[in-house]
Protein backbone atom coordinates (compact mmCIF):
# COMPACT_ATOMS: atom_id res chain seq x y z
CA MET A 1 137.26 124.44 172.16
CA PRO A 2 135.99 121.07 173.48
CA ARG A 3 132.35 120.35 173.06
CA ALA A 4 130.61 119.90 176.39
CA GLY A 5 128.47 116.82 176.80
CA LEU A 6 130.01 114.76 174.02
CA THR A 7 129.19 111.04 174.47
CA PRO A 8 130.20 107.79 172.78
CA ALA A 9 126.70 107.64 171.25
CA MET A 10 127.13 111.12 169.73
CA VAL A 11 130.51 110.14 168.28
CA THR A 12 128.99 106.95 166.86
CA GLU A 13 126.07 108.79 165.28
CA ALA A 14 128.38 111.39 163.75
CA GLY A 15 130.59 108.61 162.38
CA ALA A 16 127.59 106.75 160.95
CA ALA A 17 126.27 109.87 159.26
CA LEU A 18 129.68 110.66 157.80
CA ALA A 19 130.15 107.09 156.57
CA ASP A 20 126.90 107.49 154.63
CA GLU A 21 127.88 110.90 153.28
CA VAL A 22 131.53 110.37 152.29
CA GLY A 23 131.69 106.58 152.04
CA PHE A 24 132.88 104.03 154.56
CA ALA A 25 136.37 103.87 153.06
CA GLN A 26 136.80 107.63 153.56
CA LEU A 27 135.67 107.66 157.20
CA GLY A 28 138.35 108.91 159.56
CA MET A 29 138.61 110.20 163.09
CA GLY A 30 139.66 113.63 161.82
CA LEU A 31 136.43 113.97 159.83
CA VAL A 32 134.37 112.89 162.82
CA ALA A 33 136.16 115.39 165.06
CA GLU A 34 135.58 118.15 162.52
CA ARG A 35 131.87 117.25 162.30
CA LEU A 36 131.58 117.43 166.09
CA GLY A 37 133.60 120.63 166.39
CA VAL A 38 136.37 119.13 168.50
CA LYS A 39 140.05 118.28 168.10
CA THR A 40 140.74 114.70 167.06
CA PRO A 41 142.50 113.70 170.31
CA SER A 42 139.40 114.58 172.33
CA LEU A 43 137.43 111.85 170.49
CA TYR A 44 139.61 109.24 172.13
CA LYS A 45 137.97 110.06 175.46
CA HIS A 46 134.79 108.57 174.01
CA VAL A 47 136.00 105.84 171.61
CA SER A 48 139.39 104.20 171.93
CA SER A 49 140.15 103.89 168.21
CA GLN A 50 138.74 104.06 164.72
CA ALA A 51 138.24 100.28 164.93
CA GLU A 52 136.02 100.78 167.98
CA LEU A 53 134.10 103.50 166.15
CA VAL A 54 133.53 101.18 163.17
CA HIS A 55 132.42 98.45 165.55
CA ARG A 56 129.94 100.78 167.26
CA ILE A 57 128.59 101.89 163.85
CA ALA A 58 128.22 98.21 162.88
CA VAL A 59 126.11 97.52 165.97
CA GLN A 60 123.95 100.54 165.20
CA ALA A 61 123.58 99.53 161.54
CA ALA A 62 122.61 95.95 162.34
CA ASN A 63 119.99 97.10 164.84
CA GLU A 64 118.61 99.65 162.39
CA LEU A 65 118.45 97.08 159.59
CA ALA A 66 116.71 94.56 161.86
CA ASP A 67 114.18 97.21 162.91
CA ASN A 68 113.50 98.21 159.29
CA ILE A 69 112.90 94.63 158.18
CA ARG A 70 110.80 93.85 161.27
CA ASP A 71 108.63 96.93 160.75
CA ALA A 72 108.17 96.17 157.04
CA THR A 73 107.18 92.55 157.57
CA GLN A 74 105.00 92.92 160.65
CA GLY A 75 101.59 91.38 160.06
CA ARG A 76 102.65 89.84 156.74
CA ALA A 77 103.53 86.30 155.72
CA GLY A 78 104.88 84.39 152.75
CA SER A 79 105.38 86.32 149.53
CA GLU A 80 104.08 89.54 151.04
CA ALA A 81 106.53 89.41 153.97
CA PHE A 82 109.41 88.40 151.72
CA THR A 83 108.75 91.24 149.28
CA ALA A 84 108.31 93.86 152.02
CA GLY A 85 111.42 92.72 153.90
CA ALA A 86 113.53 92.62 150.75
CA GLN A 87 112.41 96.11 149.81
CA ALA A 88 113.18 97.35 153.34
CA MET A 89 116.71 95.97 153.17
CA ARG A 90 117.29 97.41 149.71
CA ARG A 91 116.03 100.82 150.85
CA TYR A 92 118.22 100.73 153.99
CA VAL A 93 121.37 99.97 151.99
CA LYS A 94 120.57 102.74 149.48
CA GLU A 95 119.92 105.27 152.25
CA HIS A 96 122.79 104.19 154.53
CA PRO A 97 125.54 102.67 152.37
CA GLY A 98 128.38 103.69 154.70
CA ARG A 99 126.94 102.35 157.91
CA TYR A 100 125.82 99.18 156.08
CA ALA A 101 129.43 98.73 154.88
CA ALA A 102 130.66 99.21 158.46
CA GLY A 103 128.24 96.50 159.52
CA ASN A 104 129.84 94.11 157.07
CA ALA A 105 133.40 95.10 158.03
CA ALA A 106 133.16 94.55 161.79
CA ARG A 107 133.53 91.20 163.49
CA PRO A 108 132.40 90.16 166.97
CA THR A 109 135.14 90.45 169.57
CA GLY A 110 133.79 87.93 172.08
CA PRO A 111 130.68 86.17 173.35
CA ASP A 112 129.29 89.28 175.10
CA ASP A 113 129.84 91.60 172.15
CA PRO A 114 126.67 93.62 171.39
CA LEU A 115 127.35 93.03 167.71
CA ILE A 116 126.36 89.39 168.16
CA ALA A 117 122.94 90.33 169.52
CA ALA A 118 122.46 92.91 166.75
CA LEU A 119 123.40 90.41 164.02
CA ASP A 120 121.11 87.82 165.60
CA ARG A 121 118.28 90.34 165.29
CA VAL A 122 119.00 90.72 161.56
CA LEU A 123 119.07 86.95 161.15
CA ALA A 124 115.77 86.66 163.04
CA SER A 125 114.27 89.31 160.73
CA TRP A 126 115.34 87.35 157.67
CA ALA A 127 114.02 84.13 159.21
CA ALA A 128 110.68 85.86 159.82
CA MET A 129 110.60 86.80 156.13
CA LEU A 130 110.84 83.10 155.29
CA HIS A 131 108.50 81.79 158.00
CA GLY A 132 105.37 81.70 155.85
CA TYR A 133 107.03 79.43 153.31
CA HIS A 134 107.08 76.44 155.71
CA ILE A 135 110.60 75.46 154.71
CA ASP A 136 111.96 72.28 156.23
CA PRO A 137 114.13 73.33 159.23
CA GLY A 138 117.07 71.45 157.71
CA GLN A 139 116.86 73.67 154.62
CA GLU A 140 116.36 76.98 156.43
CA ILE A 141 120.07 77.85 156.78
CA HIS A 142 120.51 77.42 153.04
CA ALA A 143 117.52 79.66 152.34
CA LEU A 144 118.85 82.27 154.77
CA ARG A 145 122.28 82.25 153.14
CA MET A 146 120.71 82.57 149.71
CA LEU A 147 118.52 85.42 150.92
CA ARG A 148 121.44 87.32 152.46
CA THR A 149 123.63 86.80 149.40
CA MET A 150 120.94 87.88 146.97
CA LEU A 151 119.77 90.95 148.86
CA HIS A 152 123.27 92.06 149.88
CA GLY A 153 124.58 91.65 146.35
CA PHE A 154 121.75 93.49 144.65
CA ALA A 155 121.58 96.33 147.17
CA THR A 156 125.33 96.96 147.36
CA LEU A 157 125.72 96.84 143.58
CA GLU A 158 122.86 99.29 143.21
CA ALA A 159 124.20 101.63 145.92
CA ALA A 160 127.60 101.64 144.20
CA GLY A 161 126.08 102.48 140.81
CA GLY A 162 126.84 99.03 139.49
CA PHE A 163 123.79 98.67 137.25
CA GLN A 164 124.69 100.52 134.06
CA ILE A 165 122.59 98.64 131.51
CA ASP A 166 119.66 100.66 130.22
CA ALA A 167 116.91 98.71 131.98
CA ASP A 168 114.76 99.70 134.95
CA VAL A 169 116.45 98.57 138.18
CA ASP A 170 113.14 98.42 140.06
CA THR A 171 111.81 96.02 137.43
CA SER A 172 114.93 93.86 137.81
CA PHE A 173 114.51 93.82 141.59
CA SER A 174 110.84 92.83 141.31
CA TRP A 175 111.73 90.12 138.80
CA MET A 176 114.38 88.73 141.16
CA ILE A 177 111.99 88.75 144.14
CA SER A 178 109.30 86.99 142.09
CA PHE A 179 111.77 84.39 140.85
CA VAL A 180 113.06 83.63 144.37
CA ASP A 181 109.51 83.63 145.76
CA GLN A 182 108.59 80.88 143.29
CA GLY A 183 111.62 78.87 144.37
CA LEU A 184 110.82 79.31 148.05
CA ARG A 185 107.21 78.26 147.49
CA SER A 186 108.48 75.08 145.83
CA LEU A 187 110.23 74.20 149.12
CA ASP A 188 107.01 74.41 151.15
CA ASP A 189 106.92 71.15 153.08
CA SER A 190 103.34 71.70 154.32
CA ARG A 191 101.77 70.81 150.97
């Protein structure tokens, strides 16, 4: 029996929730249909393909991540903003590993793609985390790439259970943030 009132947003939300529950690699249209109580072919009235569903989840994930970092860093600067933003990203990846993975799997399809605006929001959030360090504008892209690599690597390894050594992971994360903070402060061109 078809579910009345089903929308693309409802299909996207169901797909995002399932990606978090079962893992991005296990996400399929059949699972989404089952979650929504419809037959799989009826989903195609709302999303054209699994690739479109993944793309829609990626847009949602990027916007959620940007909001989380923005909210965590609001009113903070320098080390405090960096630490709060890094913790917000780590928490988001731990809580939403499937949708975060979808966000990394999708690619923009053209200049008007909403994924571009969503990814720009994430980039702006990361840039805001670094703003208080007064990094030379010519060095900012390098700092942003380092920040993304470091936070993505730590958070995805942790979410996948990749830290097996008997040492506190929170302590390792704090150590890493402190170490990077010292390096970022050394780049401060306002001194």
